[in-house]
């Protein structure tokens, strides 16, 4: 096992239980939500799970379509539709490649996109040849067009005789699209719940928001998704992770020093990987090495840029709340914070929804990621 930072892997460490559960849910066509804080390895678990599933499948990350505080629904639906068509083609018998049925459904999808989106480009591959379809602007009924597009995977699945798998990562960002298209989630739920040949898996890091979407009677996806929670590594798993990583890298270590790292990074896989990579500069991972690397991580330009970027996206009140908690060591009450009650409530609600803090007891909150707490004290 090699330490890797900054990109998902389809061979995540010690996630067999989560992978087994997700595989089981997919096999029974149970809509599933994979939920966990940032940098916990959700995407890696999903990639490993779908890697060995032999059925048409697409993966799309909704965060890629966020523009400031809005969502580019046009590009999302264009990409979503092109992936569905391209993946279906792979599973047709050679003599049936781009059969009349699929050609017809592709044309219908394009017409729906034309009505909804205006001028877009839809790209997919047929027998390794790239096809690009340019659609001219035309007005139409957006909700009717979306209904047509949402039915596309089910209708194609029926025709090609294969169950479909749709994975939408960072699903919570689609909520932004409802600002311009109210009722989007209602349309999605209305179609998805009757798709017998399509399995939907979503994931996200905005824990509080997703829990509300899935558990509130007022929300469209009430009691629709089965949740799988991805937790940080336990102390034992974190220790084994570091030991195996250093063993494969040929680096000696002192176990007591590794225990100190585990306490400081609290089982967040991304930070454990980064620590492992930075420690390769040490001849031996001992107390001196560990303290230097951990101190360096707090001011590391890559890590601080990540934290600063996320911090800057928070609301004014959320910034003040999380900064106040960071200055108290990452945990405590909000007594003494220079905010009014309504502002405190708004900030706390935002941070819980986005998965940055948790309520430990009445009036006491903690920052989930200990490294973020340390960095916010110095930026």
Protein backbone atom coordinates (compact mmCIF):
# COMPACT_ATOMS: atom_id res chain seq x y z
CA UNK A 1 0.00 0.00 0.00
CA UNK A 2 1.37 3.39 -1.05
CA UNK A 3 0.42 6.71 0.50
CA UNK A 4 -1.64 8.76 -1.99
CA UNK A 5 -3.09 12.23 -1.45
CA UNK A 6 -5.45 14.37 -3.51
CA UNK A 7 -7.23 11.78 -5.61
CA UNK A 8 -9.59 8.87 -4.94
CA UNK A 9 -8.41 5.29 -5.25
CA UNK A 10 -10.32 2.17 -6.21
CA UNK A 11 -8.42 0.22 -3.55
CA UNK A 12 -9.35 1.96 -0.26
CA UNK A 13 -7.82 0.68 2.97
CA UNK A 14 -9.97 -1.40 5.36
CA UNK A 15 -13.35 -0.46 3.90
CA UNK A 16 -14.52 -3.99 3.15
CA UNK A 17 -17.60 -3.68 5.36
CA UNK A 18 -18.82 -0.48 3.72
CA UNK A 19 -18.10 -1.88 0.24
CA UNK A 20 -19.99 -5.08 1.04
CA UNK A 21 -23.04 -3.16 2.28
CA UNK A 22 -23.08 -0.87 -0.76
CA UNK A 23 -22.69 -3.84 -3.11
CA UNK A 24 -25.63 -5.54 -1.42
CA UNK A 25 -27.82 -2.44 -1.74
CA UNK A 26 -26.99 -2.10 -5.43
CA UNK A 27 -27.76 -5.78 -6.08
CA UNK A 28 -31.30 -5.32 -4.73
CA UNK A 29 -31.84 -1.96 -6.49
CA UNK A 30 -32.15 -0.12 -3.18
CA UNK A 31 -31.56 3.64 -3.60
CA UNK A 32 -28.57 4.40 -1.37
CA UNK A 33 -26.87 7.48 0.08
CA UNK A 34 -23.19 7.31 1.06
CA UNK A 35 -22.68 9.99 3.71
CA UNK A 36 -19.53 11.22 5.43
CA UNK A 37 -17.41 14.29 6.12
CA UNK A 38 -14.92 15.64 3.60
CA UNK A 39 -11.72 13.70 2.94
CA UNK A 40 -13.10 10.53 4.53
CA UNK A 41 -12.89 8.37 1.37
CA UNK A 42 -16.51 8.19 0.16
CA UNK A 43 -15.60 8.38 -3.51
CA UNK A 44 -12.93 5.68 -3.14
CA UNK A 45 -15.48 3.33 -1.57
CA UNK A 46 -17.91 3.99 -4.41
CA UNK A 47 -15.25 3.49 -7.12
CA UNK A 48 -14.14 0.19 -5.58
CA UNK A 49 -17.74 -0.99 -5.34
CA UNK A 50 -18.75 -0.21 -8.91
CA UNK A 51 -15.44 -1.39 -10.36
CA UNK A 52 -16.54 -5.02 -10.33
CA UNK A 53 -20.23 -4.48 -11.14
CA UNK A 54 -21.01 -5.67 -14.66
CA UNK A 55 -23.85 -3.46 -15.76
CA UNK A 56 -24.17 -0.12 -17.53
CA UNK A 57 -23.09 2.52 -15.03
CA UNK A 58 -22.23 6.19 -14.92
CA UNK A 59 -20.48 8.31 -12.30
CA UNK A 60 -20.94 12.07 -12.19
CA UNK A 61 -19.71 14.58 -9.60
CA UNK A 62 -22.27 17.34 -9.09
CA UNK A 63 -19.69 19.64 -7.49
CA UNK A 64 -18.03 20.08 -10.89
CA UNK A 65 -21.09 22.04 -12.05
CA UNK A 66 -21.13 24.57 -9.21
CA UNK A 67 -20.43 28.14 -10.28
CA UNK A 68 -20.12 30.41 -7.26
CA UNK A 69 -23.42 30.07 -5.44
CA UNK A 70 -25.32 28.73 -8.45
CA UNK A 71 -25.49 25.41 -10.30
CA UNK A 72 -24.97 24.93 -14.06
CA UNK A 73 -27.94 22.65 -14.65
CA UNK A 74 -27.57 22.98 -18.42
CA UNK A 75 -24.11 21.42 -18.47
CA UNK A 76 -25.04 18.83 -15.85
CA UNK A 77 -28.02 17.49 -17.81
CA UNK A 78 -26.10 17.55 -21.08
CA UNK A 79 -23.24 15.53 -19.59
CA UNK A 80 -25.62 13.21 -17.70
CA UNK A 81 -27.55 12.37 -20.88
CA UNK A 82 -24.45 11.83 -23.01
CA UNK A 83 -22.96 9.47 -20.41
CA UNK A 84 -26.16 7.42 -20.28
CA UNK A 85 -26.28 7.01 -24.06
CA UNK A 86 -22.56 6.27 -24.40
CA UNK A 87 -22.63 3.64 -21.64
CA UNK A 88 -25.66 1.91 -23.17
CA UNK A 89 -23.84 1.57 -26.49
CA UNK A 90 -21.02 -0.37 -24.78
CA UNK A 91 -23.46 -3.07 -23.69
CA UNK A 92 -25.14 -3.62 -27.05
CA UNK A 93 -24.12 -6.63 -29.10
CA UNK A 94 -21.75 -5.56 -31.93
CA UNK A 95 -24.32 -6.17 -34.65
CA UNK A 96 -26.81 -4.04 -32.78
CA UNK A 97 -24.48 -1.10 -32.16
CA UNK A 98 -26.50 2.09 -32.25
CA UNK A 99 -29.65 0.19 -33.15
CA UNK A 100 -32.78 2.00 -34.28
CA UNK A 101 -34.12 1.89 -30.73
CA UNK A 102 -31.10 3.59 -29.22
CA UNK A 103 -30.84 6.02 -32.11
CA UNK A 104 -34.47 6.93 -31.58
CA UNK A 105 -34.05 7.36 -27.83
CA UNK A 106 -30.89 9.38 -28.41
CA UNK A 107 -32.75 11.67 -30.78
CA UNK A 108 -35.57 12.05 -28.27
CA UNK A 109 -33.05 12.93 -25.56
CA UNK A 110 -31.47 15.48 -27.87
CA UNK A 111 -34.87 17.00 -28.62
CA UNK A 112 -35.58 17.23 -24.91
CA UNK A 113 -32.22 18.87 -24.34
CA UNK A 114 -32.94 21.31 -27.16
CA UNK A 115 -36.23 22.29 -25.57
CA UNK A 116 -34.68 22.64 -22.14
CA UNK A 117 -31.16 23.89 -22.60
CA UNK A 118 -30.80 25.80 -25.82
CA UNK A 119 -27.41 25.52 -27.52
CA UNK A 120 -25.32 22.68 -26.05
CA UNK A 121 -22.93 20.02 -27.24
CA UNK A 122 -23.66 16.36 -26.54
CA UNK A 123 -20.65 14.05 -26.99
CA UNK A 124 -20.31 10.27 -26.86
CA UNK A 125 -18.36 7.45 -28.50
CA UNK A 126 -19.67 4.92 -30.98
CA UNK A 127 -17.18 2.18 -31.86
CA UNK A 128 -14.34 4.41 -30.66
CA UNK A 129 -15.44 7.26 -32.96
CA UNK A 130 -16.28 10.49 -31.17
CA UNK A 131 -19.63 11.96 -32.14
CA UNK A 132 -20.53 15.54 -31.31
CA UNK A 133 -24.08 16.82 -31.68
CA UNK A 134 -24.67 20.57 -31.63
CA UNK A 135 -28.09 21.73 -30.59
CA UNK A 136 -29.51 25.10 -31.55
CA UNK A 137 -31.36 27.28 -29.10
CA UNK A 138 -35.11 26.77 -28.90
CA UNK A 139 -37.64 27.57 -26.20
CA UNK A 140 -39.80 24.95 -24.56
CA UNK A 141 -41.35 23.57 -21.41
CA UNK A 142 -38.41 22.93 -19.07
CA UNK A 143 -40.19 20.60 -16.64
CA UNK A 144 -41.59 18.42 -19.43
CA UNK A 145 -38.11 18.22 -20.94
CA UNK A 146 -36.57 17.24 -17.61
CA UNK A 147 -39.18 14.50 -17.15
CA UNK A 148 -38.18 13.14 -20.55
CA UNK A 149 -34.48 13.16 -19.65
CA UNK A 150 -35.06 11.60 -16.23
CA UNK A 151 -36.84 8.66 -17.87
CA UNK A 152 -33.96 8.03 -20.27
CA UNK A 153 -31.99 5.47 -18.18
CA UNK A 154 -35.07 3.37 -17.37
CA UNK A 155 -36.28 3.23 -20.96
CA UNK A 156 -32.85 2.35 -22.30
CA UNK A 157 -32.37 -0.27 -19.57
CA UNK A 158 -35.60 -1.96 -20.61
CA UNK A 159 -34.61 -2.00 -24.27
CA UNK A 160 -31.08 -3.35 -23.86
CA UNK A 161 -32.11 -5.79 -21.11
CA UNK A 162 -29.56 -4.52 -18.58
CA UNK A 163 -30.08 -2.87 -15.21
CA UNK A 164 -28.49 0.58 -15.01
CA UNK A 165 -26.45 2.12 -12.17
CA UNK A 166 -26.42 5.90 -11.72
CA UNK A 167 -23.96 7.41 -9.21
CA UNK A 168 -24.14 11.12 -8.35
CA UNK A 169 -21.33 12.26 -6.06
CA UNK A 170 -21.68 15.39 -3.89
CA UNK A 171 -25.42 15.19 -4.46
CA UNK A 172 -26.19 18.10 -2.12
CA UNK A 173 -25.00 20.60 -4.73
CA UNK A 174 -28.02 19.78 -6.89
CA UNK A 175 -30.02 21.64 -4.25
CA UNK A 176 -28.54 24.83 -5.72
CA UNK A 177 -30.27 24.04 -9.02
CA UNK A 178 -33.65 24.41 -7.32
CA UNK A 179 -32.98 28.14 -7.05
CA UNK A 180 -33.57 28.39 -10.80
CA UNK A 181 -35.83 25.36 -11.18
CA UNK A 182 -38.05 24.95 -8.09
CA UNK A 183 -39.36 21.42 -7.72
CA UNK A 184 -36.36 19.70 -9.35
CA UNK A 185 -36.04 17.17 -6.52
CA UNK A 186 -39.79 16.53 -6.70
CA UNK A 187 -39.45 15.72 -10.41
CA UNK A 188 -36.48 13.43 -9.74
CA UNK A 189 -38.22 11.52 -6.94
CA UNK A 190 -41.39 11.24 -9.03
CA UNK A 191 -39.48 9.43 -11.78
CA UNK A 192 -36.80 7.57 -9.83
CA UNK A 193 -39.21 5.76 -7.52
CA UNK A 194 -40.78 3.95 -10.49
CA UNK A 195 -37.52 2.97 -12.19
CA UNK A 196 -37.39 -0.80 -11.69
CA UNK A 197 -34.23 -1.29 -13.74
CA UNK A 198 -32.15 1.62 -12.48
CA UNK A 199 -30.25 1.79 -9.20
CA UNK A 200 -29.43 5.24 -7.81
CA UNK A 201 -26.49 5.87 -5.50
CA UNK A 202 -25.79 9.37 -4.22
CA UNK A 203 -23.11 10.61 -1.87
CA UNK A 204 -22.29 13.80 -0.06
CA UNK A 205 -20.39 15.53 2.70
CA UNK A 206 -23.06 18.01 3.81
CA UNK A 207 -24.25 15.60 6.47
CA UNK A 208 -26.89 17.74 8.14
CA UNK A 209 -28.41 18.89 4.86
CA UNK A 210 -28.58 15.35 3.47
CA UNK A 211 -30.09 13.96 6.65
CA UNK A 212 -32.80 16.61 6.46
CA UNK A 213 -33.42 15.88 2.75
CA UNK A 214 -33.86 12.19 3.48
CA UNK A 215 -35.69 12.29 6.83
CA UNK A 216 -37.99 15.32 6.71
CA UNK A 217 -41.59 14.73 5.62
CA UNK A 218 -41.50 18.06 3.81
CA UNK A 219 -38.64 16.98 1.53
CA UNK A 220 -39.04 15.19 -1.81
CA UNK A 221 -36.61 12.38 -0.95
CA UNK A 222 -38.22 11.55 2.40
CA UNK A 223 -37.66 7.84 3.20
CA UNK A 224 -36.19 7.14 -0.25
CA UNK A 225 -32.47 6.48 0.29
CA UNK A 226 -30.89 3.90 2.59
CA UNK A 227 -27.98 5.69 4.32
CA UNK A 228 -24.47 4.26 4.64
CA UNK A 229 -22.36 6.38 6.98
CA UNK A 230 -18.60 6.48 6.38
CA UNK A 231 -16.75 7.13 9.63
CA UNK A 232 -13.13 8.11 10.28
CA UNK A 233 -10.68 5.28 10.87
CA UNK A 234 -10.58 3.91 14.39
CA UNK A 235 -7.30 4.23 16.29
CA UNK A 236 -6.47 0.60 15.49
CA UNK A 237 -7.21 0.98 11.77
CA UNK A 238 -5.28 4.27 11.62
CA UNK A 239 -2.26 2.60 13.22
CA UNK A 240 -2.40 -0.35 10.81
CA UNK A 241 -2.78 2.07 7.89
CA UNK A 242 0.38 3.97 8.81
CA UNK A 243 2.35 0.83 9.65
CA UNK A 244 1.51 -0.87 6.36
CA UNK A 245 2.22 2.30 4.42
CA UNK A 246 5.65 2.80 5.96
CA UNK A 247 6.44 -0.89 5.58
CA UNK A 248 5.70 -0.74 1.85
CA UNK A 249 7.73 2.47 1.56
CA UNK A 250 10.67 0.85 3.38
CA UNK A 251 10.62 3.46 6.17
CA UNK A 252 11.31 2.56 9.82
CA UNK A 253 8.99 3.92 12.51
CA UNK A 254 8.45 4.03 16.26
CA UNK A 255 4.95 2.85 17.16
CA UNK A 256 4.58 5.28 20.08
CA UNK A 257 5.21 8.15 17.69
CA UNK A 258 2.54 6.85 15.32
CA UNK A 259 0.04 6.79 18.19
CA UNK A 260 0.68 10.50 18.68
CA UNK A 261 -0.09 11.13 14.99
CA UNK A 262 -3.34 9.21 15.26
CA UNK A 263 -4.43 11.33 18.21
CA UNK A 264 -3.70 14.54 16.31
CA UNK A 265 -5.29 13.61 12.96
CA UNK A 266 -8.25 11.61 14.33
CA UNK A 267 -8.62 9.02 11.59
CA UNK A 268 -9.13 11.28 8.55
CA UNK A 269 -7.67 9.19 5.67
CA UNK A 270 -6.62 12.17 3.51
CA UNK A 271 -4.53 13.71 6.31
CA UNK A 272 -3.01 10.34 7.25
CA UNK A 273 -1.96 9.93 3.62
CA UNK A 274 -0.47 13.42 3.53
CA UNK A 275 1.38 12.80 6.78
CA UNK A 276 2.74 9.56 5.34
CA UNK A 277 4.03 11.29 2.21
CA UNK A 278 5.65 14.14 4.16
CA UNK A 279 7.30 11.64 6.52
CA UNK A 280 9.14 9.94 3.67
CA UNK A 281 11.76 12.66 4.10
CA UNK A 282 12.62 11.23 7.53
CA UNK A 283 15.08 8.39 7.90
CA UNK A 284 13.05 7.11 10.85
CA UNK A 285 9.51 8.16 11.80
CA UNK A 286 10.23 8.98 15.43
CA UNK A 287 9.05 11.68 17.84
CA UNK A 288 11.24 14.36 16.27
CA UNK A 289 10.02 13.53 12.76
CA UNK A 290 6.36 13.34 13.80
CA UNK A 291 6.31 16.69 15.57
CA UNK A 292 8.09 18.42 12.70
CA UNK A 293 5.75 16.98 10.06
CA UNK A 294 2.60 17.78 12.06
CA UNK A 295 3.78 21.35 12.67
CA UNK A 296 4.63 21.71 8.99
CA UNK A 297 1.16 20.48 7.99
CA UNK A 298 -0.48 23.35 9.88
CA UNK A 299 1.32 25.89 7.68
CA UNK A 300 1.64 23.74 4.56
CA UNK A 301 0.56 25.87 1.56
CA UNK A 302 -1.47 23.08 -0.03
CA UNK A 303 -3.41 22.22 3.12
CA UNK A 304 -3.92 25.82 4.20
CA UNK A 305 -5.19 26.67 0.70
CA UNK A 306 -7.74 23.85 0.95
CA UNK A 307 -8.93 25.01 4.37
CA UNK A 308 -8.96 28.70 3.41
CA UNK A 309 -10.98 27.99 0.26
CA UNK A 310 -13.61 26.08 2.23
CA UNK A 311 -13.63 28.72 4.97
CA UNK A 312 -14.15 31.53 2.45
CA UNK A 313 -17.24 29.78 1.07
CA UNK A 314 -18.97 29.84 4.47
CA UNK A 315 -21.51 32.47 5.45
CA UNK A 316 -20.40 35.40 7.59
CA UNK A 317 -21.96 33.93 10.75
CA UNK A 318 -20.63 30.42 10.07
CA UNK A 319 -17.11 31.85 9.72
CA UNK A 320 -17.35 33.57 13.09
CA UNK A 321 -18.71 30.46 14.83
CA UNK A 322 -16.08 28.04 13.49
CA UNK A 323 -13.26 30.53 14.08
CA UNK A 324 -14.47 31.02 17.67
CA UNK A 325 -14.48 27.25 18.24
CA UNK A 326 -11.03 26.91 16.66
CA UNK A 327 -9.60 29.51 19.02
CA UNK A 328 -11.02 27.49 21.92
CA UNK A 329 -9.11 24.41 20.78
CA UNK A 330 -11.80 23.05 18.47
CA UNK A 331 -14.41 22.34 21.13
CA UNK A 332 -16.53 24.30 23.58
CA UNK A 333 -19.59 26.44 24.15
CA UNK A 334 -20.34 29.60 22.21
CA UNK A 335 -20.69 31.68 25.32
CA UNK A 336 -18.92 34.99 24.73
CA UNK A 337 -19.06 34.96 20.93
CA UNK A 338 -19.85 38.48 19.63
CA UNK A 339 -23.01 37.47 17.76
CA UNK A 340 -26.74 37.72 18.44
CA UNK A 341 -28.80 34.60 19.08
CA UNK A 342 -30.30 34.44 15.58
CA UNK A 343 -26.86 34.89 13.99
CA UNK A 344 -25.39 32.14 16.19
CA UNK A 345 -28.22 29.78 15.25
CA UNK A 346 -27.74 30.52 11.55
CA UNK A 347 -24.00 29.92 11.77
CA UNK A 348 -24.36 26.70 13.75
CA UNK A 349 -27.05 25.38 11.42
CA UNK A 350 -24.88 26.08 8.37
CA UNK A 351 -21.82 24.37 9.87
CA UNK A 352 -23.77 21.29 10.98
CA UNK A 353 -25.49 21.04 7.60
CA UNK A 354 -22.15 21.26 5.79
CA UNK A 355 -20.49 18.68 8.03
CA UNK A 356 -17.94 20.93 9.73
CA UNK A 357 -19.11 20.76 13.35
CA UNK A 358 -21.23 18.50 15.53
CA UNK A 359 -23.31 19.14 18.61
CA UNK A 360 -21.82 17.12 21.49
CA UNK A 361 -24.21 18.21 24.22
CA UNK A 362 -26.50 21.11 24.94
CA UNK A 363 -24.63 24.28 24.01
CA UNK A 364 -21.33 22.49 23.29
CA UNK A 365 -19.97 22.00 19.76
CA UNK A 366 -16.79 20.59 18.26
CA UNK A 367 -15.02 20.91 14.92
CA UNK A 368 -15.05 17.46 13.34
CA UNK A 369 -11.69 17.74 11.57
CA UNK A 370 -8.95 18.52 14.15
CA UNK A 371 -6.50 19.73 11.52
CA UNK A 372 -8.98 22.35 10.33
CA UNK A 373 -9.34 23.53 13.93
CA UNK A 374 -5.57 24.01 14.20
CA UNK A 375 -5.21 25.76 10.85
CA UNK A 376 -8.08 28.18 11.48
CA UNK A 377 -6.24 29.47 14.51
CA UNK A 378 -3.37 30.71 12.35
CA UNK A 379 -4.99 31.89 9.10
